[in-house]
């Protein structure tokens, strides 16, 4: 039996919602065992009280960082130093960074270069560079969790040119000669090339996301296998 992946979690408590810690750890349980849990901040700051209330419950180690210089974020520096130390001294497979505001992109790229899988959590104000550099990124704010009317979802998604391009490229990468591509390989290709997760758009499954967009055609074979085709390519073939 293969050992479960070992995960180290580093939380920027100044820039992440404590009320979502249970959701975050439940998600990480899908990937492996969280063996290191650290949260960084000035714990004398009353704004961190929500985090203090959950530290013991979820076995998270608080790391104290005093605000020695106004405008300088010592928390970020301490988090990065600890993460780099663990990269070199501990047998860790997955690095998890929890932050909404500060750009930890250099740390992410360094961890990726060492062959680590990097999972990010944060609110939608998290910098794009940080979000896109992670192997997987999930938003912790309410917008991505609430079910929206399909009509509103579809309108928002179709205007997201980056997302549509990502979906089309994934189909093209694994499609057969007739333009049809199996959903499983599409999802695998996306996971290998982007931090995309359909839940950030309000859909539980990738198939639900494709189904909500009229730019793609879908079919089932053998009762369960789901196939997707880009309608744009279908029209070109018919000419």
Protein backbone atom coordinates (compact mmCIF):
# COMPACT_ATOMS: atom_id res chain seq x y z
CA UNK A 1 0.00 0.00 0.00
CA UNK A 2 1.37 3.39 -1.03
CA UNK A 3 2.08 5.81 1.80
CA UNK A 4 -0.17 8.84 1.87
CA UNK A 5 1.27 12.14 0.69
CA UNK A 6 2.65 14.32 3.49
CA UNK A 7 1.40 17.91 3.58
CA UNK A 8 2.80 21.04 5.24
CA UNK A 9 0.39 23.97 5.74
CA UNK A 10 1.56 27.56 6.17
CA UNK A 11 -1.13 30.12 7.05
CA UNK A 12 -0.76 33.88 6.71
CA UNK A 13 -3.29 34.58 9.47
CA UNK A 14 -3.37 38.31 8.69
CA UNK A 15 -4.77 37.61 5.23
CA UNK A 16 -6.97 34.53 5.44
CA UNK A 17 -10.42 33.82 6.97
CA UNK A 18 -10.31 31.59 10.05
CA UNK A 19 -13.94 30.52 9.61
CA UNK A 20 -12.94 28.46 6.56
CA UNK A 21 -10.23 26.37 8.23
CA UNK A 22 -12.44 23.27 8.42
CA UNK A 23 -13.23 23.47 4.70
CA UNK A 24 -9.54 23.88 3.93
CA UNK A 25 -8.42 20.88 5.98
CA UNK A 26 -11.23 18.73 4.60
CA UNK A 27 -10.03 19.51 1.09
CA UNK A 28 -6.43 18.69 1.99
CA UNK A 29 -7.53 15.32 3.38
CA UNK A 30 -8.27 14.31 -0.22
CA UNK A 31 -4.57 14.67 -1.03
CA UNK A 32 -2.89 13.14 2.01
CA UNK A 33 -2.01 13.69 5.66
CA UNK A 34 -1.38 17.17 7.05
CA UNK A 35 1.69 16.63 9.23
CA UNK A 36 2.75 20.27 9.67
CA UNK A 37 0.29 23.08 10.48
CA UNK A 38 1.60 26.58 11.19
CA UNK A 39 -0.13 29.96 11.35
CA UNK A 40 1.83 33.23 11.35
CA UNK A 41 0.87 36.61 12.74
CA UNK A 42 1.11 39.07 15.62
CA UNK A 43 -1.10 37.23 18.09
CA UNK A 44 -1.34 40.34 20.28
CA UNK A 45 -3.44 41.87 17.50
CA UNK A 46 -7.17 41.57 18.30
CA UNK A 47 -7.93 41.10 14.60
CA UNK A 48 -6.49 37.59 14.86
CA UNK A 49 -8.91 36.52 17.61
CA UNK A 50 -10.95 34.38 15.16
CA UNK A 51 -7.79 32.41 14.40
CA UNK A 52 -6.92 32.05 18.08
CA UNK A 53 -10.33 30.48 18.62
CA UNK A 54 -9.61 27.63 16.19
CA UNK A 55 -5.88 26.99 16.66
CA UNK A 56 -6.30 24.39 19.40
CA UNK A 57 -9.30 22.69 17.80
CA UNK A 58 -7.41 22.05 14.55
CA UNK A 59 -3.94 21.51 16.07
CA UNK A 60 -2.41 24.53 14.33
CA UNK A 61 0.85 25.87 15.76
CA UNK A 62 0.84 29.68 16.17
CA UNK A 63 4.08 31.42 15.20
CA UNK A 64 4.44 34.85 16.81
CA UNK A 65 5.69 37.75 14.69
CA UNK A 66 5.84 41.24 16.22
CA UNK A 67 5.21 44.30 14.07
CA UNK A 68 8.68 45.72 14.62
CA UNK A 69 8.52 48.13 11.70
CA UNK A 70 5.32 49.75 10.52
CA UNK A 71 4.54 48.90 6.92
CA UNK A 72 6.91 45.93 6.87
CA UNK A 73 5.38 42.47 6.92
CA UNK A 74 7.53 40.27 9.15
CA UNK A 75 4.87 37.56 8.94
CA UNK A 76 5.57 36.96 5.25
CA UNK A 77 9.30 36.72 5.82
CA UNK A 78 8.93 34.24 8.69
CA UNK A 79 6.54 32.09 6.69
CA UNK A 80 8.84 31.95 3.67
CA UNK A 81 11.91 31.12 5.79
CA UNK A 82 10.11 28.30 7.58
CA UNK A 83 8.71 26.91 4.33
CA UNK A 84 12.18 26.87 2.74
CA UNK A 85 13.65 25.16 5.82
CA UNK A 86 11.00 22.46 5.65
CA UNK A 87 11.57 21.99 1.92
CA UNK A 88 15.17 21.04 2.68
CA UNK A 89 14.85 19.24 6.01
CA UNK A 90 11.51 17.40 6.00
CA UNK A 91 10.03 14.67 3.82
CA UNK A 92 7.11 16.71 2.50
CA UNK A 93 5.25 16.03 -0.75
CA UNK A 94 2.74 18.89 -0.80
CA UNK A 95 3.10 22.52 0.28
CA UNK A 96 -0.09 24.40 1.15
CA UNK A 97 -0.05 28.21 1.37
CA UNK A 98 -3.03 30.06 2.83
CA UNK A 99 -3.11 33.77 2.04
CA UNK A 100 -5.34 36.32 0.34
CA UNK A 101 -3.18 39.39 0.00
CA UNK A 102 0.56 38.90 -0.21
CA UNK A 103 2.37 37.54 -3.20
CA UNK A 104 4.13 34.27 -2.40
CA UNK A 105 4.80 33.51 -6.06
CA UNK A 106 8.61 33.13 -5.68
CA UNK A 107 8.06 30.58 -2.91
CA UNK A 108 5.55 28.68 -5.05
CA UNK A 109 7.86 28.53 -8.06
CA UNK A 110 10.75 27.37 -5.86
CA UNK A 111 8.64 24.59 -4.35
CA UNK A 112 7.48 23.53 -7.81
CA UNK A 113 11.09 23.42 -8.99
CA UNK A 114 11.78 20.98 -6.14
CA UNK A 115 9.02 18.72 -7.45
CA UNK A 116 6.42 19.66 -4.83
CA UNK A 117 2.69 19.95 -5.49
CA UNK A 118 1.54 23.38 -4.27
CA UNK A 119 -2.02 24.05 -3.10
CA UNK A 120 -3.15 27.60 -2.44
CA UNK A 121 -6.17 28.89 -0.51
CA UNK A 122 -7.33 32.48 -0.30
CA UNK A 123 -9.99 35.05 -1.02
CA UNK A 124 -10.59 36.52 -4.45
CA UNK A 125 -8.36 39.50 -3.72
CA UNK A 126 -5.34 37.17 -3.85
CA UNK A 127 -2.89 38.31 -6.55
CA UNK A 128 -3.33 36.57 -9.93
CA UNK A 129 0.36 35.74 -10.10
CA UNK A 130 0.10 33.80 -6.84
CA UNK A 131 -3.14 32.07 -7.83
CA UNK A 132 -1.97 31.03 -11.29
CA UNK A 133 1.42 29.76 -10.11
CA UNK A 134 -0.09 27.18 -7.71
CA UNK A 135 -0.71 23.61 -8.82
CA UNK A 136 -4.23 24.02 -7.45
CA UNK A 137 -5.92 27.08 -5.94
CA UNK A 138 -9.28 27.28 -4.17
CA UNK A 139 -11.08 30.43 -3.10
CA UNK A 140 -12.32 30.58 0.48
CA UNK A 141 -14.79 33.44 0.15
CA UNK A 142 -18.51 32.99 -0.32
CA UNK A 143 -18.77 33.96 -4.00
CA UNK A 144 -17.37 30.71 -5.31
CA UNK A 145 -19.44 28.52 -2.98
CA UNK A 146 -22.97 29.74 -3.46
CA UNK A 147 -25.06 28.21 -6.20
CA UNK A 148 -25.92 30.87 -8.74
CA UNK A 149 -28.67 30.73 -11.38
CA UNK A 150 -27.35 28.83 -14.40
CA UNK A 151 -28.13 31.76 -16.70
CA UNK A 152 -25.97 34.12 -14.61
CA UNK A 153 -23.18 31.55 -14.33
CA UNK A 154 -23.12 30.96 -18.08
CA UNK A 155 -22.99 34.67 -18.86
CA UNK A 156 -20.07 35.21 -16.50
CA UNK A 157 -18.16 32.16 -17.75
CA UNK A 158 -18.54 32.93 -21.46
CA UNK A 159 -17.05 36.36 -20.87
CA UNK A 160 -14.02 34.81 -19.15
CA UNK A 161 -11.79 34.49 -22.21
CA UNK A 162 -8.94 32.96 -20.23
CA UNK A 163 -11.15 30.15 -18.94
CA UNK A 164 -12.73 29.42 -22.33
CA UNK A 165 -9.29 29.34 -23.93
CA UNK A 166 -8.07 26.93 -21.22
CA UNK A 167 -11.02 24.58 -21.80
CA UNK A 168 -10.60 24.66 -25.58
CA UNK A 169 -6.86 24.01 -25.38
CA UNK A 170 -7.44 21.06 -23.05
CA UNK A 171 -9.96 19.52 -25.46
CA UNK A 172 -7.62 20.02 -28.41
CA UNK A 173 -4.73 18.41 -26.52
CA UNK A 174 -6.54 15.10 -25.93
CA UNK A 175 -9.20 14.97 -28.65
CA UNK A 176 -9.54 12.19 -31.20
CA UNK A 177 -9.66 12.73 -34.97
CA UNK A 178 -13.38 13.46 -34.88
CA UNK A 179 -12.87 16.27 -32.36
CA UNK A 180 -14.39 14.43 -29.39
CA UNK A 181 -12.37 14.24 -26.16
CA UNK A 182 -13.05 12.21 -23.02
CA UNK A 183 -13.79 14.29 -19.92
CA UNK A 184 -11.28 12.41 -17.71
CA UNK A 185 -8.21 13.20 -19.85
CA UNK A 186 -9.46 16.79 -20.27
CA UNK A 187 -9.49 17.22 -16.50
CA UNK A 188 -6.06 15.62 -16.15
CA UNK A 189 -4.59 17.91 -18.81
CA UNK A 190 -6.02 21.00 -17.11
CA UNK A 191 -4.69 19.90 -13.70
CA UNK A 192 -1.21 19.49 -15.17
CA UNK A 193 -1.16 22.93 -16.74
CA UNK A 194 -3.23 25.29 -14.55
CA UNK A 195 -4.43 26.00 -11.02
CA UNK A 196 -8.02 25.71 -12.29
CA UNK A 197 -10.78 24.22 -10.13
CA UNK A 198 -14.41 24.25 -11.33
CA UNK A 199 -15.64 24.85 -7.77
CA UNK A 200 -14.26 28.38 -7.99
CA UNK A 201 -16.96 28.97 -10.63
CA UNK A 202 -19.76 27.45 -8.57
CA UNK A 203 -19.80 23.93 -10.09
CA UNK A 204 -19.19 20.72 -8.19
CA UNK A 205 -18.07 18.76 -11.27
CA UNK A 206 -16.19 19.61 -14.46
CA UNK A 207 -19.01 18.10 -16.48
CA UNK A 208 -21.46 20.57 -14.90
CA UNK A 209 -19.25 23.45 -16.00
CA UNK A 210 -19.10 22.24 -19.61
CA UNK A 211 -22.84 21.59 -19.61
CA UNK A 212 -23.56 25.18 -18.56
CA UNK A 213 -21.68 26.62 -21.55
CA UNK A 214 -23.33 26.39 -24.98
CA UNK A 215 -19.93 26.61 -26.66
CA UNK A 216 -19.41 22.88 -26.14
CA UNK A 217 -21.26 19.73 -27.15
CA UNK A 218 -21.45 16.73 -24.81
CA UNK A 219 -22.41 13.07 -25.14
CA UNK A 220 -22.27 9.82 -23.16
CA UNK A 221 -21.07 6.43 -24.37
CA UNK A 222 -21.21 3.02 -22.72
CA UNK A 223 -23.58 4.47 -20.17
CA UNK A 224 -20.99 6.46 -18.22
CA UNK A 225 -18.10 7.80 -20.32
CA UNK A 226 -18.56 11.53 -20.98
CA UNK A 227 -17.20 13.12 -24.15
CA UNK A 228 -16.84 16.84 -25.00
CA UNK A 229 -16.37 18.62 -28.32
CA UNK A 230 -15.82 22.27 -29.17
CA UNK A 231 -18.82 23.44 -31.22
CA UNK A 232 -16.59 25.90 -33.03
CA UNK A 233 -14.51 23.05 -34.46
CA UNK A 234 -17.64 21.08 -35.25
CA UNK A 235 -18.89 23.94 -37.44
CA UNK A 236 -15.58 24.14 -39.29
CA UNK A 237 -15.75 20.42 -40.07
CA UNK A 238 -19.24 20.81 -41.52
CA UNK A 239 -18.17 23.48 -44.02
